[in-house]
Amino acid sequence: MTHQSRGAFFVLTEPGRYDLIRGELIALPPASEQLGATAANIAGHLWQHVRSHRLGRVYTAETGFVLARDPDVVLVPDVAFVRADRLPPDEMRSKFYEGPPDLAIEVISPSERTTQTQQKVLEYLRAGTQLVWVVDPPRRTVTVYHPDHSARILRIDDELDGGEVLPGLRISVAEIFA
């Protein structure tokens, strides 16, 4: 893996997705079928709710969010949401999103270590993300993190809600893994 510059962003010469955490470039492997389907289920539910209530925009795993500078932190959540009042002007849409998403969703891949996931959660919360969902397909759980760093584990019979970030959103955990 090579890069051209030591500026704010690396210009990669190899394809793929990457997170940048405090100067460390981390390659993200392609998603498994289970991870991809789970992320798509979540994105579909979010998109439908967000679009029908004109709440903002839902992003998929191709979108980088700049959470910090010097050292830079750029994360690529599996699914994210940004409120309408925080959307960038059209001329800025060709760049990474400058700032945290309001909701970041990480679907744990089998190759991901718990410490990596926890580091991402802390980076999101430190940057001002209001809600982080960590989705664990093998365990069929969703851990919900709030800005005060409190966490709640939801199981297959529970229901996710969007709280103040996505008012009115309710998704059964079972539907995420269907």
N, C-alpha and C. Protein backbone atom coordinates (compact mmCIF):
# COMPACT_ATOMS: atom_id res chain seq x y z
N MET A 1 0.86 -1.16 0.00
CA MET A 1 0.00 0.00 0.00
C MET A 1 0.90 1.22 0.00
N THR A 2 0.61 2.15 -0.88
CA THR A 2 1.42 3.37 -0.94
C THR A 2 0.52 4.59 -0.89
N HIS A 3 1.13 5.72 -0.57
CA HIS A 3 0.41 6.98 -0.57
C HIS A 3 1.34 8.05 -1.08
N GLN A 4 0.77 9.16 -1.54
CA GLN A 4 1.56 10.20 -2.17
C GLN A 4 1.88 11.38 -1.27
N SER A 5 1.12 11.63 -0.23
CA SER A 5 1.29 12.87 0.48
C SER A 5 1.16 12.67 1.98
N ARG A 6 1.76 13.56 2.74
CA ARG A 6 1.61 13.54 4.18
C ARG A 6 0.63 14.63 4.60
N GLY A 7 -0.19 15.11 3.67
CA GLY A 7 -1.18 16.13 3.98
C GLY A 7 -2.34 15.54 4.74
N ALA A 8 -3.47 16.24 4.70
CA ALA A 8 -4.64 15.83 5.48
C ALA A 8 -5.15 14.45 5.08
N PHE A 9 -5.06 14.13 3.79
CA PHE A 9 -5.55 12.83 3.34
C PHE A 9 -4.52 12.16 2.48
N PHE A 10 -4.49 10.84 2.60
CA PHE A 10 -3.62 10.06 1.75
C PHE A 10 -4.31 9.85 0.41
N VAL A 11 -3.53 9.86 -0.63
CA VAL A 11 -4.04 9.51 -1.94
C VAL A 11 -3.53 8.09 -2.19
N LEU A 12 -4.41 7.14 -2.07
CA LEU A 12 -4.03 5.74 -2.16
C LEU A 12 -3.91 5.29 -3.60
N THR A 13 -2.94 4.43 -3.83
CA THR A 13 -2.77 3.89 -5.17
C THR A 13 -3.32 2.48 -5.28
N GLU A 14 -3.80 1.92 -4.17
CA GLU A 14 -4.41 0.60 -4.20
C GLU A 14 -5.89 0.73 -3.86
N PRO A 15 -6.74 -0.04 -4.55
CA PRO A 15 -8.18 0.07 -4.30
C PRO A 15 -8.56 -0.49 -2.93
N GLY A 16 -9.72 -0.11 -2.48
CA GLY A 16 -10.23 -0.63 -1.22
C GLY A 16 -10.75 0.48 -0.33
N ARG A 17 -11.26 0.07 0.82
CA ARG A 17 -11.76 1.01 1.81
C ARG A 17 -10.79 1.06 2.97
N TYR A 18 -10.67 2.23 3.58
CA TYR A 18 -9.74 2.40 4.68
C TYR A 18 -10.33 3.33 5.74
N ASP A 19 -9.99 3.07 7.00
CA ASP A 19 -10.18 4.03 8.06
C ASP A 19 -8.82 4.64 8.34
N LEU A 20 -8.81 5.88 8.81
CA LEU A 20 -7.59 6.54 9.23
C LEU A 20 -7.81 6.97 10.67
N ILE A 21 -7.08 6.35 11.59
CA ILE A 21 -7.27 6.64 13.00
C ILE A 21 -5.96 7.14 13.58
N ARG A 22 -5.93 8.45 13.84
CA ARG A 22 -4.78 9.10 14.48
C ARG A 22 -3.48 8.74 13.77
N GLY A 23 -3.52 8.85 12.44
CA GLY A 23 -2.34 8.63 11.63
C GLY A 23 -2.12 7.20 11.18
N GLU A 24 -2.90 6.25 11.67
CA GLU A 24 -2.74 4.85 11.26
C GLU A 24 -3.79 4.49 10.23
N LEU A 25 -3.33 4.07 9.07
CA LEU A 25 -4.21 3.68 7.98
C LEU A 25 -4.60 2.22 8.17
N ILE A 26 -5.89 1.94 8.24
CA ILE A 26 -6.38 0.59 8.50
C ILE A 26 -7.22 0.13 7.31
N ALA A 27 -6.76 -0.94 6.64
CA ALA A 27 -7.49 -1.50 5.51
C ALA A 27 -8.74 -2.21 6.02
N LEU A 28 -9.85 -1.99 5.35
CA LEU A 28 -11.11 -2.65 5.70
C LEU A 28 -11.38 -3.74 4.67
N PRO A 29 -11.47 -4.99 5.12
CA PRO A 29 -11.69 -6.08 4.16
C PRO A 29 -13.09 -5.98 3.55
N PRO A 30 -13.29 -6.58 2.38
CA PRO A 30 -14.63 -6.62 1.81
C PRO A 30 -15.60 -7.29 2.78
N ALA A 31 -16.84 -6.86 2.73
CA ALA A 31 -17.85 -7.39 3.64
C ALA A 31 -18.26 -8.80 3.26
N SER A 32 -18.55 -9.61 4.28
CA SER A 32 -19.11 -10.94 4.06
C SER A 32 -20.55 -10.77 3.59
N GLU A 33 -21.15 -11.84 3.13
CA GLU A 33 -22.56 -11.80 2.71
C GLU A 33 -23.43 -11.39 3.88
N GLN A 34 -23.18 -11.97 5.05
CA GLN A 34 -23.99 -11.67 6.24
C GLN A 34 -23.85 -10.20 6.64
N LEU A 35 -22.63 -9.70 6.66
CA LEU A 35 -22.41 -8.30 7.03
C LEU A 35 -23.08 -7.37 6.02
N GLY A 36 -22.91 -7.65 4.74
CA GLY A 36 -23.51 -6.81 3.70
C GLY A 36 -25.02 -6.80 3.77
N ALA A 37 -25.62 -7.97 3.99
CA ALA A 37 -27.08 -8.05 4.08
C ALA A 37 -27.60 -7.33 5.32
N THR A 38 -26.89 -7.47 6.43
CA THR A 38 -27.30 -6.80 7.67
C THR A 38 -27.22 -5.29 7.51
N ALA A 39 -26.12 -4.79 6.96
CA ALA A 39 -25.97 -3.35 6.74
C ALA A 39 -27.05 -2.83 5.78
N ALA A 40 -27.36 -3.61 4.75
CA ALA A 40 -28.40 -3.20 3.79
C ALA A 40 -29.78 -3.16 4.46
N ASN A 41 -30.07 -4.13 5.34
CA ASN A 41 -31.34 -4.11 6.07
C ASN A 41 -31.48 -2.83 6.89
N ILE A 42 -30.41 -2.49 7.60
CA ILE A 42 -30.43 -1.29 8.44
C ILE A 42 -30.58 -0.05 7.57
N ALA A 43 -29.78 0.04 6.51
CA ALA A 43 -29.83 1.21 5.63
C ALA A 43 -31.22 1.37 5.02
N GLY A 44 -31.85 0.26 4.64
CA GLY A 44 -33.19 0.33 4.06
C GLY A 44 -34.21 0.89 5.03
N HIS A 45 -34.18 0.42 6.26
CA HIS A 45 -35.10 0.93 7.29
C HIS A 45 -34.85 2.42 7.54
N LEU A 46 -33.58 2.77 7.69
CA LEU A 46 -33.25 4.17 7.94
C LEU A 46 -33.68 5.06 6.78
N TRP A 47 -33.32 4.64 5.56
CA TRP A 47 -33.60 5.46 4.39
C TRP A 47 -35.10 5.73 4.28
N GLN A 48 -35.90 4.70 4.46
CA GLN A 48 -37.35 4.85 4.35
C GLN A 48 -37.87 5.86 5.39
N HIS A 49 -37.41 5.74 6.62
CA HIS A 49 -37.86 6.65 7.68
C HIS A 49 -37.36 8.08 7.44
N VAL A 50 -36.10 8.20 7.12
CA VAL A 50 -35.49 9.53 6.91
C VAL A 50 -36.13 10.23 5.72
N ARG A 51 -36.32 9.51 4.64
CA ARG A 51 -36.90 10.11 3.43
C ARG A 51 -38.35 10.53 3.67
N SER A 52 -39.14 9.68 4.30
CA SER A 52 -40.55 10.01 4.49
C SER A 52 -40.76 11.17 5.46
N HIS A 53 -39.80 11.40 6.35
CA HIS A 53 -39.92 12.51 7.31
C HIS A 53 -38.98 13.68 7.00
N ARG A 54 -38.26 13.57 5.89
CA ARG A 54 -37.32 14.62 5.46
C ARG A 54 -36.38 15.04 6.58
N LEU A 55 -35.73 14.05 7.16
CA LEU A 55 -34.89 14.29 8.32
C LEU A 55 -33.43 14.57 7.98
N GLY A 56 -33.00 14.17 6.80
CA GLY A 56 -31.60 14.36 6.44
C GLY A 56 -31.18 13.38 5.37
N ARG A 57 -30.01 12.76 5.57
CA ARG A 57 -29.48 11.86 4.54
C ARG A 57 -28.86 10.63 5.20
N VAL A 58 -29.05 9.48 4.56
CA VAL A 58 -28.45 8.21 4.99
C VAL A 58 -27.28 7.92 4.06
N TYR A 59 -26.17 7.49 4.64
CA TYR A 59 -24.97 7.18 3.88
C TYR A 59 -24.60 5.71 4.05
N THR A 60 -24.00 5.14 3.02
CA THR A 60 -23.51 3.76 3.10
C THR A 60 -22.00 3.77 3.30
N ALA A 61 -21.43 2.59 3.32
CA ALA A 61 -20.03 2.40 3.69
C ALA A 61 -19.02 3.00 2.73
N GLU A 62 -19.44 3.71 1.75
CA GLU A 62 -18.49 4.34 0.84
C GLU A 62 -18.15 5.77 1.26
N THR A 63 -18.75 6.26 2.34
CA THR A 63 -18.62 7.65 2.73
C THR A 63 -17.66 7.81 3.91
N GLY A 64 -16.65 8.67 3.73
CA GLY A 64 -15.70 8.97 4.80
C GLY A 64 -16.14 10.19 5.59
N PHE A 65 -16.01 10.11 6.91
CA PHE A 65 -16.34 11.21 7.81
C PHE A 65 -15.06 11.65 8.52
N VAL A 66 -14.71 12.93 8.38
CA VAL A 66 -13.53 13.48 9.04
C VAL A 66 -13.94 13.84 10.47
N LEU A 67 -13.41 13.10 11.43
CA LEU A 67 -13.78 13.31 12.83
C LEU A 67 -12.79 14.18 13.58
N ALA A 68 -11.54 14.22 13.12
CA ALA A 68 -10.52 15.03 13.80
C ALA A 68 -9.41 15.36 12.81
N ARG A 69 -8.66 16.39 13.16
CA ARG A 69 -7.50 16.82 12.37
C ARG A 69 -6.26 16.85 13.26
N ASP A 70 -5.16 16.49 12.67
CA ASP A 70 -3.83 16.64 13.26
C ASP A 70 -3.71 16.03 14.64
N PRO A 71 -3.70 14.73 14.80
CA PRO A 71 -3.71 13.75 13.73
C PRO A 71 -5.13 13.50 13.21
N ASP A 72 -5.18 13.19 11.94
CA ASP A 72 -6.47 13.00 11.28
C ASP A 72 -7.14 11.70 11.69
N VAL A 73 -8.47 11.80 11.81
CA VAL A 73 -9.30 10.62 12.02
C VAL A 73 -10.40 10.67 10.96
N VAL A 74 -10.40 9.70 10.07
CA VAL A 74 -11.42 9.57 9.03
C VAL A 74 -11.97 8.16 9.13
N LEU A 75 -13.26 8.06 9.48
CA LEU A 75 -13.88 6.75 9.59
C LEU A 75 -14.94 6.56 8.52
N VAL A 76 -15.15 5.30 8.18
CA VAL A 76 -16.11 4.91 7.16
C VAL A 76 -17.11 3.95 7.81
N PRO A 77 -18.17 4.49 8.41
CA PRO A 77 -19.15 3.60 9.03
C PRO A 77 -19.89 2.77 7.99
N ASP A 78 -20.42 1.64 8.41
CA ASP A 78 -21.17 0.79 7.47
C ASP A 78 -22.45 1.49 7.03
N VAL A 79 -23.08 2.22 7.94
CA VAL A 79 -24.26 3.03 7.64
C VAL A 79 -24.16 4.27 8.53
N ALA A 80 -24.61 5.41 8.03
CA ALA A 80 -24.59 6.63 8.83
C ALA A 80 -25.78 7.51 8.46
N PHE A 81 -26.09 8.42 9.37
CA PHE A 81 -27.17 9.38 9.16
C PHE A 81 -26.67 10.75 9.59
N VAL A 82 -27.02 11.78 8.78
CA VAL A 82 -26.73 13.17 9.12
C VAL A 82 -28.02 13.96 8.98
N ARG A 83 -28.33 14.74 10.03
CA ARG A 83 -29.54 15.57 10.04
C ARG A 83 -29.51 16.59 8.91
N ALA A 84 -30.68 16.97 8.44
CA ALA A 84 -30.82 17.90 7.32
C ALA A 84 -30.11 19.22 7.57
N ASP A 85 -30.18 19.73 8.80
CA ASP A 85 -29.57 21.03 9.08
C ASP A 85 -28.04 20.97 9.12
N ARG A 86 -27.46 19.78 9.02
CA ARG A 86 -26.01 19.62 9.03
C ARG A 86 -25.45 19.16 7.69
N LEU A 87 -26.30 19.07 6.68
CA LEU A 87 -25.83 18.60 5.37
C LEU A 87 -24.93 19.64 4.73
N PRO A 88 -23.89 19.17 4.03
CA PRO A 88 -22.97 20.12 3.40
C PRO A 88 -23.59 20.78 2.18
N PRO A 89 -23.10 21.97 1.84
CA PRO A 89 -23.56 22.60 0.60
C PRO A 89 -23.13 21.75 -0.60
N ASP A 90 -23.84 21.91 -1.70
CA ASP A 90 -23.57 21.09 -2.88
C ASP A 90 -22.11 21.09 -3.31
N GLU A 91 -21.43 22.23 -3.23
CA GLU A 91 -20.04 22.31 -3.69
C GLU A 91 -19.08 21.51 -2.80
N MET A 92 -19.51 21.11 -1.63
CA MET A 92 -18.66 20.33 -0.72
C MET A 92 -18.95 18.84 -0.79
N ARG A 93 -19.93 18.44 -1.57
CA ARG A 93 -20.36 17.04 -1.57
C ARG A 93 -19.39 16.10 -2.28
N SER A 94 -18.39 16.64 -2.98
CA SER A 94 -17.43 15.77 -3.65
C SER A 94 -16.26 15.42 -2.73
N LYS A 95 -16.29 15.88 -1.48
CA LYS A 95 -15.22 15.61 -0.52
C LYS A 95 -15.76 14.74 0.61
N PHE A 96 -14.85 14.33 1.50
CA PHE A 96 -15.29 13.63 2.69
C PHE A 96 -16.18 14.57 3.50
N TYR A 97 -17.09 14.00 4.27
CA TYR A 97 -17.95 14.80 5.13
C TYR A 97 -17.09 15.34 6.27
N GLU A 98 -17.09 16.64 6.45
CA GLU A 98 -16.31 17.28 7.52
C GLU A 98 -17.12 17.31 8.79
N GLY A 99 -16.89 16.37 9.66
CA GLY A 99 -17.60 16.29 10.93
C GLY A 99 -18.17 14.91 11.13
N PRO A 100 -18.72 14.70 12.31
CA PRO A 100 -19.25 13.37 12.63
C PRO A 100 -20.66 13.19 12.11
N PRO A 101 -21.04 11.94 11.84
CA PRO A 101 -22.46 11.68 11.56
C PRO A 101 -23.25 11.82 12.86
N ASP A 102 -24.54 12.03 12.77
CA ASP A 102 -25.38 12.05 13.97
C ASP A 102 -25.60 10.64 14.49
N LEU A 103 -25.68 9.68 13.58
CA LEU A 103 -25.77 8.26 13.91
C LEU A 103 -24.73 7.52 13.09
N ALA A 104 -23.89 6.73 13.77
CA ALA A 104 -22.92 5.88 13.08
C ALA A 104 -23.24 4.44 13.42
N ILE A 105 -23.23 3.60 12.40
CA ILE A 105 -23.54 2.18 12.60
C ILE A 105 -22.36 1.36 12.09
N GLU A 106 -21.82 0.55 12.97
CA GLU A 106 -20.73 -0.36 12.63
C GLU A 106 -21.26 -1.78 12.75
N VAL A 107 -21.17 -2.53 11.65
CA VAL A 107 -21.54 -3.95 11.66
C VAL A 107 -20.22 -4.71 11.80
N ILE A 108 -20.09 -5.45 12.87
CA ILE A 108 -18.83 -6.13 13.18
C ILE A 108 -18.56 -7.24 12.17
N SER A 109 -17.37 -7.21 11.60
CA SER A 109 -16.97 -8.28 10.68
C SER A 109 -16.21 -9.33 11.47
N PRO A 110 -16.20 -10.57 10.98
CA PRO A 110 -15.51 -11.64 11.71
C PRO A 110 -14.01 -11.35 11.91
N SER A 111 -13.41 -10.56 11.01
CA SER A 111 -11.97 -10.29 11.13
C SER A 111 -11.66 -9.10 12.04
N GLU A 112 -12.69 -8.41 12.50
CA GLU A 112 -12.48 -7.20 13.31
C GLU A 112 -12.29 -7.56 14.78
N ARG A 113 -11.28 -6.97 15.39
CA ARG A 113 -11.03 -7.18 16.82
C ARG A 113 -11.91 -6.24 17.64
N THR A 114 -12.28 -6.68 18.83
CA THR A 114 -13.11 -5.88 19.73
C THR A 114 -12.46 -4.54 20.02
N THR A 115 -11.14 -4.52 20.16
CA THR A 115 -10.45 -3.26 20.46
C THR A 115 -10.59 -2.26 19.30
N GLN A 116 -10.60 -2.76 18.06
CA GLN A 116 -10.79 -1.88 16.91
C GLN A 116 -12.17 -1.24 16.95
N THR A 117 -13.17 -2.05 17.22
CA THR A 117 -14.54 -1.54 17.28
C THR A 117 -14.69 -0.53 18.40
N GLN A 118 -14.15 -0.83 19.56
CA GLN A 118 -14.24 0.10 20.70
C GLN A 118 -13.52 1.41 20.40
N GLN A 119 -12.39 1.32 19.71
CA GLN A 119 -11.66 2.54 19.35
C GLN A 119 -12.51 3.41 18.42
N LYS A 120 -13.19 2.78 17.46
CA LYS A 120 -14.06 3.54 16.56
C LYS A 120 -15.20 4.20 17.34
N VAL A 121 -15.83 3.45 18.25
CA VAL A 121 -16.93 4.00 19.05
C VAL A 121 -16.45 5.23 19.80
N LEU A 122 -15.28 5.13 20.43
CA LEU A 122 -14.75 6.27 21.18
C LEU A 122 -14.46 7.46 20.27
N GLU A 123 -13.94 7.20 19.08
CA GLU A 123 -13.66 8.30 18.14
C GLU A 123 -14.97 8.99 17.72
N TYR A 124 -16.00 8.21 17.43
CA TYR A 124 -17.29 8.81 17.07
C TYR A 124 -17.81 9.68 18.20
N LEU A 125 -17.83 9.13 19.41
CA LEU A 125 -18.38 9.87 20.55
C LEU A 125 -17.54 11.11 20.86
N ARG A 126 -16.23 10.99 20.79
CA ARG A 126 -15.34 12.12 21.04
C ARG A 126 -15.60 13.25 20.04
N ALA A 127 -15.94 12.87 18.81
CA ALA A 127 -16.17 13.87 17.75
C ALA A 127 -17.55 14.50 17.81
N GLY A 128 -18.47 13.91 18.60
CA GLY A 128 -19.79 14.50 18.73
C GLY A 128 -20.94 13.69 18.13
N THR A 129 -20.67 12.47 17.69
CA THR A 129 -21.75 11.61 17.21
C THR A 129 -22.72 11.38 18.37
N GLN A 130 -24.01 11.51 18.09
CA GLN A 130 -25.02 11.44 19.14
C GLN A 130 -25.50 10.02 19.44
N LEU A 131 -25.30 9.10 18.51
CA LEU A 131 -25.77 7.75 18.68
C LEU A 131 -24.88 6.82 17.86
N VAL A 132 -24.40 5.74 18.47
CA VAL A 132 -23.59 4.75 17.76
C VAL A 132 -24.22 3.39 18.01
N TRP A 133 -24.47 2.67 16.92
CA TRP A 133 -24.98 1.30 17.02
C TRP A 133 -23.87 0.36 16.56
N VAL A 134 -23.53 -0.61 17.39
CA VAL A 134 -22.58 -1.65 17.00
C VAL A 134 -23.38 -2.94 16.86
N VAL A 135 -23.44 -3.42 15.64
CA VAL A 135 -24.28 -4.57 15.29
C VAL A 135 -23.38 -5.81 15.20
N ASP A 136 -23.76 -6.84 15.92
CA ASP A 136 -22.97 -8.07 15.98
C ASP A 136 -23.80 -9.22 15.40
N PRO A 137 -23.64 -9.53 14.11
CA PRO A 137 -24.46 -10.58 13.48
C PRO A 137 -24.33 -11.97 14.13
N PRO A 138 -23.13 -12.46 14.46
CA PRO A 138 -23.09 -13.80 15.07
C PRO A 138 -23.85 -13.89 16.40
N ARG A 139 -23.79 -12.85 17.19
CA ARG A 139 -24.48 -12.86 18.49
C ARG A 139 -25.92 -12.35 18.38
N ARG A 140 -26.23 -11.75 17.22
CA ARG A 140 -27.56 -11.19 16.96
C ARG A 140 -27.94 -10.16 18.03
N THR A 141 -26.98 -9.24 18.27
CA THR A 141 -27.19 -8.15 19.22
C THR A 141 -26.84 -6.81 18.59
N VAL A 142 -27.37 -5.75 19.19
CA VAL A 142 -27.00 -4.39 18.81
C VAL A 142 -26.68 -3.66 20.11
N THR A 143 -25.48 -3.11 20.20
CA THR A 143 -25.11 -2.31 21.36
C THR A 143 -25.27 -0.85 20.99
N VAL A 144 -26.04 -0.13 21.80
CA VAL A 144 -26.35 1.27 21.55
C VAL A 144 -25.52 2.13 22.50
N TYR A 145 -24.71 3.03 21.92
CA TYR A 145 -23.86 3.94 22.71
C TYR A 145 -24.40 5.36 22.61
N HIS A 146 -24.31 6.07 23.74
CA HIS A 146 -24.75 7.46 23.82
C HIS A 146 -23.56 8.37 24.14
N PRO A 147 -23.71 9.69 23.97
CA PRO A 147 -22.59 10.61 24.21
C PRO A 147 -21.96 10.52 25.60
N ASP A 148 -22.74 10.11 26.61
CA ASP A 148 -22.17 9.97 27.96
C ASP A 148 -21.42 8.65 28.12
N HIS A 149 -21.25 7.92 27.02
CA HIS A 149 -20.53 6.65 26.94
C HIS A 149 -21.30 5.49 27.58
N SER A 150 -22.55 5.73 27.93
CA SER A 150 -23.36 4.61 28.42
C SER A 150 -23.70 3.71 27.23
N ALA A 151 -23.89 2.44 27.54
CA ALA A 151 -24.18 1.46 26.49
C ALA A 151 -25.30 0.54 26.95
N ARG A 152 -26.08 0.11 25.97
CA ARG A 152 -27.17 -0.83 26.25
C ARG A 152 -27.16 -1.89 25.16
N ILE A 153 -27.20 -3.14 25.56
CA ILE A 153 -27.19 -4.25 24.60
C ILE A 153 -28.63 -4.68 24.34
N LEU A 154 -29.00 -4.67 23.07
CA LEU A 154 -30.33 -5.12 22.65
C LEU A 154 -30.19 -6.49 22.01
N ARG A 155 -31.14 -7.35 22.31
CA ARG A 155 -31.13 -8.71 21.78
C ARG A 155 -32.26 -8.88 20.76
N ILE A 156 -32.36 -10.04 20.21
CA ILE A 156 -33.25 -10.34 19.08
C ILE A 156 -34.71 -9.96 19.35
N ASP A 157 -35.18 -10.03 20.59
CA ASP A 157 -36.58 -9.69 20.90
C ASP A 157 -36.79 -8.22 21.23
N ASP A 158 -35.71 -7.42 21.21
CA ASP A 158 -35.80 -6.01 21.55
C ASP A 158 -36.06 -5.15 20.32
N GLU A 159 -36.23 -3.86 20.56
CA GLU A 159 -36.50 -2.92 19.48
C GLU A 159 -35.56 -1.73 19.60
N LEU A 160 -34.96 -1.37 18.48
CA LEU A 160 -34.13 -0.16 18.39
C LEU A 160 -35.04 1.04 18.20
N ASP A 161 -34.64 2.17 18.77
CA ASP A 161 -35.36 3.39 18.43
C ASP A 161 -34.33 4.48 18.16
N GLY A 162 -34.74 5.47 17.41
CA GLY A 162 -33.83 6.53 17.00
C GLY A 162 -33.65 7.63 18.01
N GLY A 163 -34.39 7.57 19.11
CA GLY A 163 -34.26 8.60 20.14
C GLY A 163 -34.47 9.99 19.58
N GLU A 164 -33.70 10.94 20.09
CA GLU A 164 -33.79 12.32 19.62
C GLU A 164 -33.11 12.50 18.26
N VAL A 165 -32.24 11.58 17.92
CA VAL A 165 -31.51 11.68 16.64
C VAL A 165 -32.44 11.41 15.47
N LEU A 166 -33.26 10.37 15.59
CA LEU A 166 -34.20 9.98 14.53
C LEU A 166 -35.57 9.76 15.17
N PRO A 167 -36.28 10.85 15.48
CA PRO A 167 -37.57 10.71 16.16
C PRO A 167 -38.53 9.81 15.39
N GLY A 168 -39.18 8.91 16.14
CA GLY A 168 -40.19 8.03 15.55
C GLY A 168 -39.65 6.76 14.94
N LEU A 169 -38.34 6.63 14.79
CA LEU A 169 -37.77 5.42 14.20
C LEU A 169 -37.83 4.27 15.20
N ARG A 170 -38.38 3.16 14.76
CA ARG A 170 -38.43 1.94 15.56
C ARG A 170 -38.17 0.77 14.62
N ILE A 171 -37.17 -0.04 14.97
CA ILE A 171 -36.81 -1.22 14.18
C ILE A 171 -36.62 -2.38 15.14
N SER A 172 -37.28 -3.49 14.87
CA SER A 172 -37.04 -4.65 15.72
C SER A 172 -35.66 -5.21 15.37
N VAL A 173 -34.95 -5.64 16.39
CA VAL A 173 -33.63 -6.21 16.17
C VAL A 173 -33.73 -7.44 15.27
N ALA A 174 -34.81 -8.20 15.42
CA ALA A 174 -35.01 -9.39 14.57
C ALA A 174 -35.04 -9.01 13.09
N GLU A 175 -35.65 -7.87 12.74
CA GLU A 175 -35.71 -7.44 11.33
C GLU A 175 -34.32 -7.13 10.76
N ILE A 176 -33.44 -6.66 11.59
CA ILE A 176 -32.08 -6.34 11.13
C ILE A 176 -31.37 -7.60 10.65
N PHE A 177 -31.64 -8.71 11.35
CA PHE A 177 -30.95 -9.95 11.03
C PHE A 177 -31.76 -10.88 10.14
N ALA A 178 -32.91 -10.41 9.64
CA ALA A 178 -33.77 -11.25 8.81
C ALA A 178 -33.16 -11.52 7.45
